[in-house]
Amino acid sequence: MQKIRKGDEVIVLTGRDKKRRGTVLGRVGTDHVLVEGINVVKKHVKGNPMAGTPGGIIDKTMPIHISNVALYNPATGKGDRVGIQVVDGKKVRIFRSNGAVVGAKA
């Protein structure tokens, strides 16, 4: 079971975007995630008149390693580790600090 999934709100632990929050747009492979507004770089793109795409400099979101992000816990206001627990015969993700179910409405 994946501890960080698409749609989760995460907080960056290291790097130039440290302490910034964003939503996971998707997973890239097994150990990288795309986070909205995090790790944005300038990319020089060559135009293609046959496809109708213009050239220039664009902002592109690059993947960040999963070890550099933590799931944001709204109860504590900090990043938190995630555990797996069986509740009513189903596996659910829980926050390690307070044992609350991830994504459950308070």
PDB file of N, CA and C in Angstrom:
ATOM      1  N   MET A   1       0.847  -1.182   0.000  1.00  0.00           N
ATOM      2  CA  MET A   1       0.000   0.000   0.000  1.00  0.00           C
ATOM      3  C   MET A   1       0.888   1.241   0.000  1.00  0.00           C
ATOM      4  N   GLN A   2       0.549   2.189  -0.859  1.00  0.00           N
ATOM      5  CA  GLN A   2       1.332   3.404  -0.967  1.00  0.00           C
ATOM      6  C   GLN A   2       0.991   4.350   0.179  1.00  0.00           C
ATOM      7  N   LYS A   3       2.023   4.871   0.831  1.00  0.00           N
ATOM      8  CA  LYS A   3       1.792   5.763   1.964  1.00  0.00           C
ATOM      9  C   LYS A   3       1.487   7.182   1.504  1.00  0.00           C
ATOM     10  N   ILE A   4       1.977   7.573   0.330  1.00  0.00           N
ATOM     11  CA  ILE A   4       1.661   8.887  -0.236  1.00  0.00           C
ATOM     12  C   ILE A   4       1.023   8.642  -1.595  1.00  0.00           C
ATOM     13  N   ARG A   5      -0.157   9.207  -1.799  1.00  0.00           N
ATOM     14  CA  ARG A   5      -0.927   8.963  -3.015  1.00  0.00           C
ATOM     15  C   ARG A   5      -1.273  10.271  -3.709  1.00  0.00           C
ATOM     16  N   LYS A   6      -1.810  10.136  -4.920  1.00  0.00           N
ATOM     17  CA  LYS A   6      -2.279  11.281  -5.687  1.00  0.00           C
ATOM     18  C   LYS A   6      -3.412  11.961  -4.915  1.00  0.00           C
ATOM     19  N   GLY A   7      -3.344  13.287  -4.821  1.00  0.00           N
ATOM     20  CA  GLY A   7      -4.372  14.050  -4.130  1.00  0.00           C
ATOM     21  C   GLY A   7      -4.048  14.367  -2.680  1.00  0.00           C
ATOM     22  N   ASP A   8      -3.016  13.754  -2.122  1.00  0.00           N
ATOM     23  CA  ASP A   8      -2.632  14.024  -0.732  1.00  0.00           C
ATOM     24  C   ASP A   8      -1.955  15.391  -0.635  1.00  0.00           C
ATOM     25  N   GLU A   9      -2.117  16.043   0.512  1.00  0.00           N
ATOM     26  CA  GLU A   9      -1.409  17.289   0.771  1.00  0.00           C
ATOM     27  C   GLU A   9      -0.132  16.950   1.518  1.00  0.00           C
ATOM     28  N   VAL A  10       0.998  17.395   0.965  1.00  0.00           N
ATOM     29  CA  VAL A  10       2.300  17.082   1.554  1.00  0.00           C
ATOM     30  C   VAL A  10       3.044  18.374   1.864  1.00  0.00           C
ATOM     31  N   ILE A  11       4.052  18.238   2.726  1.00  0.00           N
ATOM     32  CA  ILE A  11       4.934  19.344   3.062  1.00  0.00           C
ATOM     33  C   ILE A  11       6.362  18.914   2.739  1.00  0.00           C
ATOM     34  N   VAL A  12       7.143  19.813   2.156  1.00  0.00           N
ATOM     35  CA  VAL A  12       8.507  19.502   1.739  1.00  0.00           C
ATOM     36  C   VAL A  12       9.434  19.621   2.940  1.00  0.00           C
ATOM     37  N   LEU A  13      10.293  18.619   3.127  1.00  0.00           N
ATOM     38  CA  LEU A  13      11.187  18.565   4.280  1.00  0.00           C
ATOM     39  C   LEU A  13      12.565  19.154   4.004  1.00  0.00           C
ATOM     40  N   THR A  14      13.063  19.017   2.777  1.00  0.00           N
ATOM     41  CA  THR A  14      14.414  19.485   2.454  1.00  0.00           C
ATOM     42  C   THR A  14      14.436  20.168   1.100  1.00  0.00           C
ATOM     43  N   GLY A  15      15.527  20.900   0.852  1.00  0.00           N
ATOM     44  CA  GLY A  15      15.719  21.528  -0.447  1.00  0.00           C
ATOM     45  C   GLY A  15      15.292  22.973  -0.448  1.00  0.00           C
ATOM     46  N   ARG A  16      15.278  23.566  -1.634  1.00  0.00           N
ATOM     47  CA  ARG A  16      14.981  24.995  -1.743  1.00  0.00           C
ATOM     48  C   ARG A  16      13.513  25.311  -1.485  1.00  0.00           C
ATOM     49  N   ASP A  17      12.631  24.313  -1.564  1.00  0.00           N
ATOM     50  CA  ASP A  17      11.202  24.503  -1.296  1.00  0.00           C
ATOM     51  C   ASP A  17      10.808  24.026   0.096  1.00  0.00           C
ATOM     52  N   LYS A  18      11.768  23.977   1.002  1.00  0.00           N
ATOM     53  CA  LYS A  18      11.529  23.481   2.358  1.00  0.00           C
ATOM     54  C   LYS A  18      10.395  24.250   3.034  1.00  0.00           C
ATOM     55  N   LYS A  19       9.540  23.529   3.750  1.00  0.00           N
ATOM     56  CA  LYS A  19       8.393  24.038   4.507  1.00  0.00           C
ATOM     57  C   LYS A  19       7.232  24.507   3.635  1.00  0.00           C
ATOM     58  N   ARG A  20       7.294  24.280   2.329  1.00  0.00           N
ATOM     59  CA  ARG A  20       6.173  24.643   1.458  1.00  0.00           C
ATOM     60  C   ARG A  20       5.248  23.448   1.317  1.00  0.00           C
ATOM     61  N   ARG A  21       3.942  23.741   1.159  1.00  0.00           N
ATOM     62  CA  ARG A  21       2.951  22.684   1.022  1.00  0.00           C
ATOM     63  C   ARG A  21       2.397  22.660  -0.388  1.00  0.00           C
ATOM     64  N   GLY A  22       1.953  21.470  -0.800  1.00  0.00           N
ATOM     65  CA  GLY A  22       1.342  21.323  -2.109  1.00  0.00           C
ATOM     66  C   GLY A  22       0.595  20.009  -2.199  1.00  0.00           C
ATOM     67  N   THR A  23      -0.147  19.857  -3.275  1.00  0.00           N
ATOM     68  CA  THR A  23      -0.933  18.647  -3.509  1.00  0.00           C
ATOM     69  C   THR A  23      -0.191  17.742  -4.484  1.00  0.00           C
ATOM     70  N   VAL A  24      -0.195  16.450  -4.209  1.00  0.00           N
ATOM     71  CA  VAL A  24       0.472  15.481  -5.077  1.00  0.00           C
ATOM     72  C   VAL A  24      -0.342  15.341  -6.360  1.00  0.00           C
ATOM     73  N   LEU A  25       0.308  15.597  -7.500  1.00  0.00           N
ATOM     74  CA  LEU A  25      -0.345  15.472  -8.795  1.00  0.00           C
ATOM     75  C   LEU A  25      -0.268  14.044  -9.320  1.00  0.00           C
ATOM     76  N   GLY A  26       0.747  13.303  -8.886  1.00  0.00           N
ATOM     77  CA  GLY A  26       0.898  11.927  -9.334  1.00  0.00           C
ATOM     78  C   GLY A  26       2.224  11.350  -8.903  1.00  0.00           C
ATOM     79  N   ARG A  27       2.345  10.036  -9.097  1.00  0.00           N
ATOM     80  CA  ARG A  27       3.586   9.341  -8.776  1.00  0.00           C
ATOM     81  C   ARG A  27       4.383   9.172 -10.065  1.00  0.00           C
ATOM     82  N   VAL A  28       5.697   9.274  -9.943  1.00  0.00           N
ATOM     83  CA  VAL A  28       6.604   9.041 -11.066  1.00  0.00           C
ATOM     84  C   VAL A  28       7.498   7.887 -10.654  1.00  0.00           C
ATOM     85  N   GLY A  29       7.218   6.711 -11.172  1.00  0.00           N
ATOM     86  CA  GLY A  29       7.957   5.529 -10.747  1.00  0.00           C
ATOM     87  C   GLY A  29       7.542   5.136  -9.347  1.00  0.00           C
ATOM     88  N   THR A  30       8.460   4.485  -8.632  1.00  0.00           N
ATOM     89  CA  THR A  30       8.129   4.010  -7.289  1.00  0.00           C
ATOM     90  C   THR A  30       8.560   4.973  -6.199  1.00  0.00           C
ATOM     91  N   ASP A  31       9.520   5.856  -6.503  1.00  0.00           N
ATOM     92  CA  ASP A  31      10.076   6.671  -5.425  1.00  0.00           C
ATOM     93  C   ASP A  31      10.116   8.174  -5.691  1.00  0.00           C
ATOM     94  N   HIS A  32       9.333   8.664  -6.649  1.00  0.00           N
ATOM     95  CA  HIS A  32       9.258  10.101  -6.910  1.00  0.00           C
ATOM     96  C   HIS A  32       7.796  10.524  -7.034  1.00  0.00           C
ATOM     97  N   VAL A  33       7.514  11.771  -6.660  1.00  0.00           N
ATOM     98  CA  VAL A  33       6.166  12.320  -6.787  1.00  0.00           C
ATOM     99  C   VAL A  33       6.238  13.695  -7.436  1.00  0.00           C
ATOM    100  N   LEU A  34       5.156  14.074  -8.126  1.00  0.00           N
ATOM    101  CA  LEU A  34       5.003  15.421  -8.656  1.00  0.00           C
ATOM    102  C   LEU A  34       4.113  16.179  -7.697  1.00  0.00           C
ATOM    103  N   VAL A  35       4.610  17.307  -7.187  1.00  0.00           N
ATOM    104  CA  VAL A  35       3.852  18.105  -6.235  1.00  0.00           C
ATOM    105  C   VAL A  35       3.570  19.462  -6.882  1.00  0.00           C
ATOM    106  N   GLU A  36       2.307  19.880  -6.821  1.00  0.00           N
ATOM    107  CA  GLU A  36       1.867  21.113  -7.453  1.00  0.00           C
ATOM    108  C   GLU A  36       2.594  22.322  -6.864  1.00  0.00           C
ATOM    109  N   GLY A  37       3.292  23.073  -7.735  1.00  0.00           N
ATOM    110  CA  GLY A  37       3.980  24.291  -7.325  1.00  0.00           C
ATOM    111  C   GLY A  37       5.311  24.086  -6.632  1.00  0.00           C
ATOM    112  N   ILE A  38       5.779  22.841  -6.535  1.00  0.00           N
ATOM    113  CA  ILE A  38       7.044  22.533  -5.859  1.00  0.00           C
ATOM    114  C   ILE A  38       8.042  22.019  -6.896  1.00  0.00           C
ATOM    115  N   ASN A  39       9.307  22.414  -6.734  1.00  0.00           N
ATOM    116  CA  ASN A  39      10.392  21.998  -7.627  1.00  0.00           C
ATOM    117  C   ASN A  39      10.108  22.419  -9.071  1.00  0.00           C
ATOM    118  N   VAL A  40       9.713  23.677  -9.250  1.00  0.00           N
ATOM    119  CA  VAL A  40       9.415  24.225 -10.571  1.00  0.00           C
ATOM    120  C   VAL A  40      10.709  24.764 -11.174  1.00  0.00           C
ATOM    121  N   VAL A  41      10.996  24.363 -12.416  1.00  0.00           N
ATOM    122  CA  VAL A  41      12.210  24.789 -13.102  1.00  0.00           C
ATOM    123  C   VAL A  41      11.843  25.458 -14.425  1.00  0.00           C
ATOM    124  N   LYS A  42      12.775  26.244 -14.950  1.00  0.00           N
ATOM    125  CA  LYS A  42      12.612  26.854 -16.269  1.00  0.00           C
ATOM    126  C   LYS A  42      13.162  25.884 -17.300  1.00  0.00           C
ATOM    127  N   LYS A  43      12.377  25.599 -18.334  1.00  0.00           N
ATOM    128  CA  LYS A  43      12.817  24.674 -19.365  1.00  0.00           C
ATOM    129  C   LYS A  43      12.745  25.381 -20.714  1.00  0.00           C
ATOM    130  N   HIS A  44      13.827  25.290 -21.484  1.00  0.00           N
ATOM    131  CA  HIS A  44      13.874  25.883 -22.811  1.00  0.00           C
ATOM    132  C   HIS A  44      13.324  24.872 -23.804  1.00  0.00           C
ATOM    133  N   VAL A  45      12.275  25.268 -24.512  1.00  0.00           N
ATOM    134  CA  VAL A  45      11.582  24.350 -25.417  1.00  0.00           C
ATOM    135  C   VAL A  45      11.713  24.866 -26.844  1.00  0.00           C
ATOM    136  N   LYS A  46      12.062  23.972 -27.738  1.00  0.00           N
ATOM    137  CA  LYS A  46      12.145  24.314 -29.142  1.00  0.00           C
ATOM    138  C   LYS A  46      10.758  24.202 -29.759  1.00  0.00           C
ATOM    139  N   GLY A  47      10.382  25.173 -30.548  1.00  0.00           N
ATOM    140  CA  GLY A  47       9.062  25.170 -31.174  1.00  0.00           C
ATOM    141  C   GLY A  47       8.975  24.145 -32.291  1.00  0.00           C
ATOM    142  N   ASN A  48       7.750  23.716 -32.584  1.00  0.00           N
ATOM    143  CA  ASN A  48       7.491  22.770 -33.661  1.00  0.00           C
ATOM    144  C   ASN A  48       6.324  23.307 -34.486  1.00  0.00           C
ATOM    145  N   PRO A  49       6.617  23.926 -35.640  1.00  0.00           N
ATOM    146  CA  PRO A  49       5.533  24.505 -36.433  1.00  0.00           C
ATOM    147  C   PRO A  49       4.567  23.455 -37.001  1.00  0.00           C
ATOM    148  N   MET A  50       5.033  22.247 -37.196  1.00  0.00           N
ATOM    149  CA  MET A  50       4.154  21.193 -37.725  1.00  0.00           C
ATOM    150  C   MET A  50       3.091  20.803 -36.695  1.00  0.00           C
ATOM    151  N   ALA A  51       3.464  20.802 -35.430  1.00  0.00           N
ATOM    152  CA  ALA A  51       2.510  20.447 -34.372  1.00  0.00           C
ATOM    153  C   ALA A  51       1.814  21.683 -33.811  1.00  0.00           C
ATOM    154  N   GLY A  52       2.284  22.874 -34.194  1.00  0.00           N
ATOM    155  CA  GLY A  52       1.666  24.106 -33.721  1.00  0.00           C
ATOM    156  C   GLY A  52       2.060  24.494 -32.311  1.00  0.00           C
ATOM    157  N   THR A  53       3.196  23.982 -31.826  1.00  0.00           N
ATOM    158  CA  THR A  53       3.633  24.332 -30.479  1.00  0.00           C
ATOM    159  C   THR A  53       4.686  25.436 -30.563  1.00  0.00           C
ATOM    160  N   PRO A  54       4.509  26.494 -29.777  1.00  0.00           N
ATOM    161  CA  PRO A  54       5.500  27.572 -29.804  1.00  0.00           C
ATOM    162  C   PRO A  54       6.730  27.218 -28.973  1.00  0.00           C
ATOM    163  N   GLY A  55       7.833  27.859 -29.295  1.00  0.00           N
ATOM    164  CA  GLY A  55       9.050  27.674 -28.520  1.00  0.00           C
ATOM    165  C   GLY A  55       9.145  28.733 -27.442  1.00  0.00           C
ATOM    166  N   GLY A  56      10.145  28.599 -26.585  1.00  0.00           N
ATOM    167  CA  GLY A  56      10.356  29.591 -25.543  1.00  0.00           C
ATOM    168  C   GLY A  56      10.740  28.942 -24.233  1.00  0.00           C
ATOM    169  N   ILE A  57      10.613  29.713 -23.164  1.00  0.00           N
ATOM    170  CA  ILE A  57      10.967  29.231 -21.834  1.00  0.00           C
ATOM    171  C   ILE A  57       9.667  28.987 -21.069  1.00  0.00           C
ATOM    172  N   ILE A  58       9.502  27.768 -20.580  1.00  0.00           N
ATOM    173  CA  ILE A  58       8.286  27.417 -19.855  1.00  0.00           C
ATOM    174  C   ILE A  58       8.650  26.984 -18.434  1.00  0.00           C
ATOM    175  N   ASP A  59       7.691  27.084 -17.524  1.00  0.00           N
ATOM    176  CA  ASP A  59       7.859  26.572 -16.167  1.00  0.00           C
ATOM    177  C   ASP A  59       7.359  25.140 -16.140  1.00  0.00           C
ATOM    178  N   LYS A  60       8.178  24.250 -15.606  1.00  0.00           N
ATOM    179  CA  LYS A  60       7.825  22.835 -15.571  1.00  0.00           C
ATOM    180  C   LYS A  60       8.026  22.296 -14.161  1.00  0.00           C
ATOM    181  N   THR A  61       7.045  21.526 -13.675  1.00  0.00           N
ATOM    182  CA  THR A  61       7.153  20.894 -12.365  1.00  0.00           C
ATOM    183  C   THR A  61       7.924  19.598 -12.517  1.00  0.00           C
ATOM    184  N   MET A  62       9.002  19.469 -11.768  1.00  0.00           N
ATOM    185  CA  MET A  62       9.837  18.273 -11.836  1.00  0.00           C
ATOM    186  C   MET A  62       9.551  17.381 -10.627  1.00  0.00           C
ATOM    187  N   PRO A  63       9.819  16.078 -10.760  1.00  0.00           N
ATOM    188  CA  PRO A  63       9.568  15.163  -9.640  1.00  0.00           C
ATOM    189  C   PRO A  63      10.500  15.427  -8.466  1.00  0.00           C
ATOM    190  N   ILE A  64      10.018  15.095  -7.278  1.00  0.00           N
ATOM    191  CA  ILE A  64      10.806  15.210  -6.058  1.00  0.00           C
ATOM    192  C   ILE A  64      10.779  13.846  -5.371  1.00  0.00           C
ATOM    193  N   HIS A  65      11.892  13.478  -4.750  1.00  0.00           N
ATOM    194  CA  HIS A  65      11.972  12.155  -4.127  1.00  0.00           C
ATOM    195  C   HIS A  65      11.006  12.066  -2.956  1.00  0.00           C
ATOM    196  N   ILE A  66      10.409  10.911  -2.813  1.00  0.00           N
ATOM    197  CA  ILE A  66       9.361  10.702  -1.810  1.00  0.00           C
ATOM    198  C   ILE A  66       9.898  10.836  -0.384  1.00  0.00           C
ATOM    199  N   SER A  67      11.202  10.636  -0.196  1.00  0.00           N
ATOM    200  CA  SER A  67      11.780  10.767   1.147  1.00  0.00           C
ATOM    201  C   SER A  67      11.904  12.230   1.559  1.00  0.00           C
ATOM    202  N   ASN A  68      11.759  13.156   0.615  1.00  0.00           N
ATOM    203  CA  ASN A  68      11.888  14.581   0.913  1.00  0.00           C
ATOM    204  C   ASN A  68      10.553  15.254   1.179  1.00  0.00           C
ATOM    205  N   VAL A  69       9.466  14.476   1.199  1.00  0.00           N
ATOM    206  CA  VAL A  69       8.154  15.030   1.519  1.00  0.00           C
ATOM    207  C   VAL A  69       7.516  14.207   2.633  1.00  0.00           C
ATOM    208  N   ALA A  70       6.614  14.843   3.390  1.00  0.00           N
ATOM    209  CA  ALA A  70       5.863  14.152   4.434  1.00  0.00           C
ATOM    210  C   ALA A  70       4.399  14.551   4.297  1.00  0.00           C
ATOM    211  N   LEU A  71       3.519  13.643   4.631  1.00  0.00           N
ATOM    212  CA  LEU A  71       2.090  13.920   4.588  1.00  0.00           C
ATOM    213  C   LEU A  71       1.755  14.995   5.617  1.00  0.00           C
ATOM    214  N   TYR A  72       0.960  15.985   5.214  1.00  0.00           N
ATOM    215  CA  TYR A  72       0.602  17.094   6.099  1.00  0.00           C
ATOM    216  C   TYR A  72      -0.555  16.667   6.994  1.00  0.00           C
ATOM    217  N   ASN A  73      -0.357  16.834   8.300  1.00  0.00           N
ATOM    218  CA  ASN A  73      -1.384  16.494   9.284  1.00  0.00           C
ATOM    219  C   ASN A  73      -2.086  17.786   9.706  1.00  0.00           C
ATOM    220  N   PRO A  74      -3.355  17.989   9.318  1.00  0.00           N
ATOM    221  CA  PRO A  74      -4.033  19.238   9.663  1.00  0.00           C
ATOM    222  C   PRO A  74      -4.287  19.407  11.163  1.00  0.00           C
ATOM    223  N   ALA A  75      -4.332  18.318  11.908  1.00  0.00           N
ATOM    224  CA  ALA A  75      -4.569  18.412  13.354  1.00  0.00           C
ATOM    225  C   ALA A  75      -3.375  19.035  14.077  1.00  0.00           C
ATOM    226  N   THR A  76      -2.161  18.671  13.649  1.00  0.00           N
ATOM    227  CA  THR A  76      -0.961  19.200  14.292  1.00  0.00           C
ATOM    228  C   THR A  76      -0.356  20.372  13.525  1.00  0.00           C
ATOM    229  N   GLY A  77      -0.686  20.502  12.245  1.00  0.00           N
ATOM    230  CA  GLY A  77      -0.128  21.572  11.426  1.00  0.00           C
ATOM    231  C   GLY A  77       1.287  21.302  10.968  1.00  0.00           C
ATOM    232  N   LYS A  78       1.718  20.044  11.038  1.00  0.00           N
ATOM    233  CA  LYS A  78       3.076  19.670  10.657  1.00  0.00           C
ATOM    234  C   LYS A  78       3.045  18.463   9.729  1.00  0.00           C
ATOM    235  N   GLY A  79       4.218  18.142   9.183  1.00  0.00           N
ATOM    236  CA  GLY A  79       4.359  16.917   8.410  1.00  0.00           C
ATOM    237  C   GLY A  79       4.402  15.731   9.355  1.00  0.00           C
ATOM    238  N   ASP A  80       3.898  14.592   8.899  1.00  0.00           N
ATOM    239  CA  ASP A  80       3.794  13.438   9.781  1.00  0.00           C
ATOM    240  C   ASP A  80       4.105  12.164   9.012  1.00  0.00           C
ATOM    241  N   ARG A  81       4.597  11.182   9.766  1.00  0.00           N
ATOM    242  CA  ARG A  81       4.823   9.864   9.181  1.00  0.00           C
ATOM    243  C   ARG A  81       3.491   9.125   9.093  1.00  0.00           C
ATOM    244  N   VAL A  82       3.447   8.134   8.209  1.00  0.00           N
ATOM    245  CA  VAL A  82       2.208   7.410   7.958  1.00  0.00           C
ATOM    246  C   VAL A  82       2.411   5.939   8.264  1.00  0.00           C
ATOM    247  N   GLY A  83       1.412   5.329   8.888  1.00  0.00           N
ATOM    248  CA  GLY A  83       1.428   3.895   9.151  1.00  0.00           C
ATOM    249  C   GLY A  83       0.201   3.251   8.536  1.00  0.00           C
ATOM    250  N   ILE A  84       0.218   1.925   8.470  1.00  0.00           N
ATOM    251  CA  ILE A  84      -0.900   1.159   7.926  1.00  0.00           C
ATOM    252  C   ILE A  84      -1.525   0.376   9.073  1.00  0.00           C
ATOM    253  N   GLN A  85      -2.848   0.395   9.150  1.00  0.00           N
ATOM    254  CA  GLN A  85      -3.541  -0.328  10.210  1.00  0.00           C
ATOM    255  C   GLN A  85      -4.804  -0.943   9.613  1.00  0.00           C
ATOM    256  N   VAL A  86      -5.207  -2.088  10.135  1.00  0.00           N
ATOM    257  CA  VAL A  86      -6.426  -2.740   9.672  1.00  0.00           C
ATOM    258  C   VAL A  86      -7.585  -2.275  10.552  1.00  0.00           C
ATOM    259  N   VAL A  87      -8.587  -1.650   9.914  1.00  0.00           N
ATOM    260  CA  VAL A  87      -9.777  -1.170  10.616  1.00  0.00           C
ATOM    261  C   VAL A  87     -10.997  -1.733   9.891  1.00  0.00           C
ATOM    262  N   ASP A  88     -11.816  -2.496  10.606  1.00  0.00           N
ATOM    263  CA  ASP A  88     -13.019  -3.118  10.042  1.00  0.00           C
ATOM    264  C   ASP A  88     -12.703  -3.975   8.821  1.00  0.00           C
ATOM    265  N   GLY A  89     -11.583  -4.682   8.870  1.00  0.00           N
ATOM    266  CA  GLY A  89     -11.206  -5.583   7.783  1.00  0.00           C
ATOM    267  C   GLY A  89     -10.585  -4.906   6.582  1.00  0.00           C
ATOM    268  N   LYS A  90     -10.341  -3.593   6.638  1.00  0.00           N
ATOM    269  CA  LYS A  90      -9.727  -2.863   5.531  1.00  0.00           C
ATOM    270  C   LYS A  90      -8.457  -2.185   6.013  1.00  0.00           C
ATOM    271  N   LYS A  91      -7.467  -2.131   5.124  1.00  0.00           N
ATOM    272  CA  LYS A  91      -6.233  -1.423   5.447  1.00  0.00           C
ATOM    273  C   LYS A  91      -6.471   0.074   5.266  1.00  0.00           C
ATOM    274  N   VAL A  92      -6.108   0.850   6.259  1.00  0.00           N
ATOM    275  CA  VAL A  92      -6.218   2.306   6.177  1.00  0.00           C
ATOM    276  C   VAL A  92      -4.906   2.924   6.607  1.00  0.00           C
ATOM    277  N   ARG A  93      -4.656   4.135   6.120  1.00  0.00           N
ATOM    278  CA  ARG A  93      -3.458   4.876   6.508  1.00  0.00           C
ATOM    279  C   ARG A  93      -3.784   5.707   7.739  1.00  0.00           C
ATOM    280  N   ILE A  94      -2.852   5.733   8.682  1.00  0.00           N
ATOM    281  CA  ILE A  94      -3.029   6.517   9.899  1.00  0.00           C
ATOM    282  C   ILE A  94      -1.802   7.400  10.104  1.00  0.00           C
ATOM    283  N   PHE A  95      -2.020   8.519  10.794  1.00  0.00           N
ATOM    284  CA  PHE A  95      -0.901   9.379  11.180  1.00  0.00           C
ATOM    285  C   PHE A  95      -0.244   8.761  12.405  1.00  0.00           C
ATOM    286  N   ARG A  96       1.092   8.733  12.421  1.00  0.00           N
ATOM    287  CA  ARG A  96       1.829   8.124  13.531  1.00  0.00           C
ATOM    288  C   ARG A  96       1.731   8.946  14.811  1.00  0.00           C
ATOM    289  N   SER A  97       1.615  10.267  14.697  1.00  0.00           N
ATOM    290  CA  SER A  97       1.649  11.103  15.896  1.00  0.00           C
ATOM    291  C   SER A  97       0.384  10.985  16.736  1.00  0.00           C
ATOM    292  N   ASN A  98      -0.788  10.971  16.091  1.00  0.00           N
ATOM    293  CA  ASN A  98      -2.019  10.951  16.874  1.00  0.00           C
ATOM    294  C   ASN A  98      -2.942   9.766  16.552  1.00  0.00           C
ATOM    295  N   GLY A  99      -2.578   8.922  15.592  1.00  0.00           N
ATOM    296  CA  GLY A  99      -3.367   7.737  15.276  1.00  0.00           C
ATOM    297  C   GLY A  99      -4.629   8.011  14.487  1.00  0.00           C
ATOM    298  N   ALA A 100      -4.819   9.232  14.011  1.00  0.00           N
ATOM    299  CA  ALA A 100      -6.011   9.573  13.234  1.00  0.00           C
ATOM    300  C   ALA A 100      -5.890   8.981  11.827  1.00  0.00           C
ATOM    301  N   VAL A 101      -7.035   8.635  11.251  1.00  0.00           N
ATOM    302  CA  VAL A 101      -7.060   8.078   9.899  1.00  0.00           C
ATOM    303  C   VAL A 101      -6.814   9.209   8.894  1.00  0.00           C
ATOM    304  N   VAL A 102      -5.975   8.935   7.904  1.00  0.00           N
ATOM    305  CA  VAL A 102      -5.651   9.926   6.873  1.00  0.00           C
ATOM    306  C   VAL A 102      -6.889  10.140   6.011  1.00  0.00           C
ATOM    307  N   GLY A 103      -7.265  11.412   5.810  1.00  0.00           N
ATOM    308  CA  GLY A 103      -8.395  11.743   4.954  1.00  0.00           C
ATOM    309  C   GLY A 103      -9.738  11.678   5.650  1.00  0.00           C
ATOM    310  N   ALA A 104      -9.779  11.288   6.917  1.00  0.00           N
ATOM    311  CA  ALA A 104     -11.047  11.248   7.644  1.00  0.00           C
ATOM    312  C   ALA A 104     -11.443  12.645   8.071  1.00  0.00           C
ATOM    313  N   LYS A 105     -12.728  12.933   7.991  1.00  0.00           N
ATOM    314  CA  LYS A 105     -13.227  14.238   8.413  1.00  0.00           C
ATOM    315  C   LYS A 105     -13.295  14.288   9.934  1.00  0.00           C
ATOM    316  N   ALA A 106     -12.785  15.359  10.503  1.00  0.00           N
ATOM    317  CA  ALA A 106     -12.729  15.471  11.965  1.00  0.00           C
ATOM    318  C   ALA A 106     -14.064  15.796  12.574  1.00  0.00           C
TER     319      ALA A 106
END
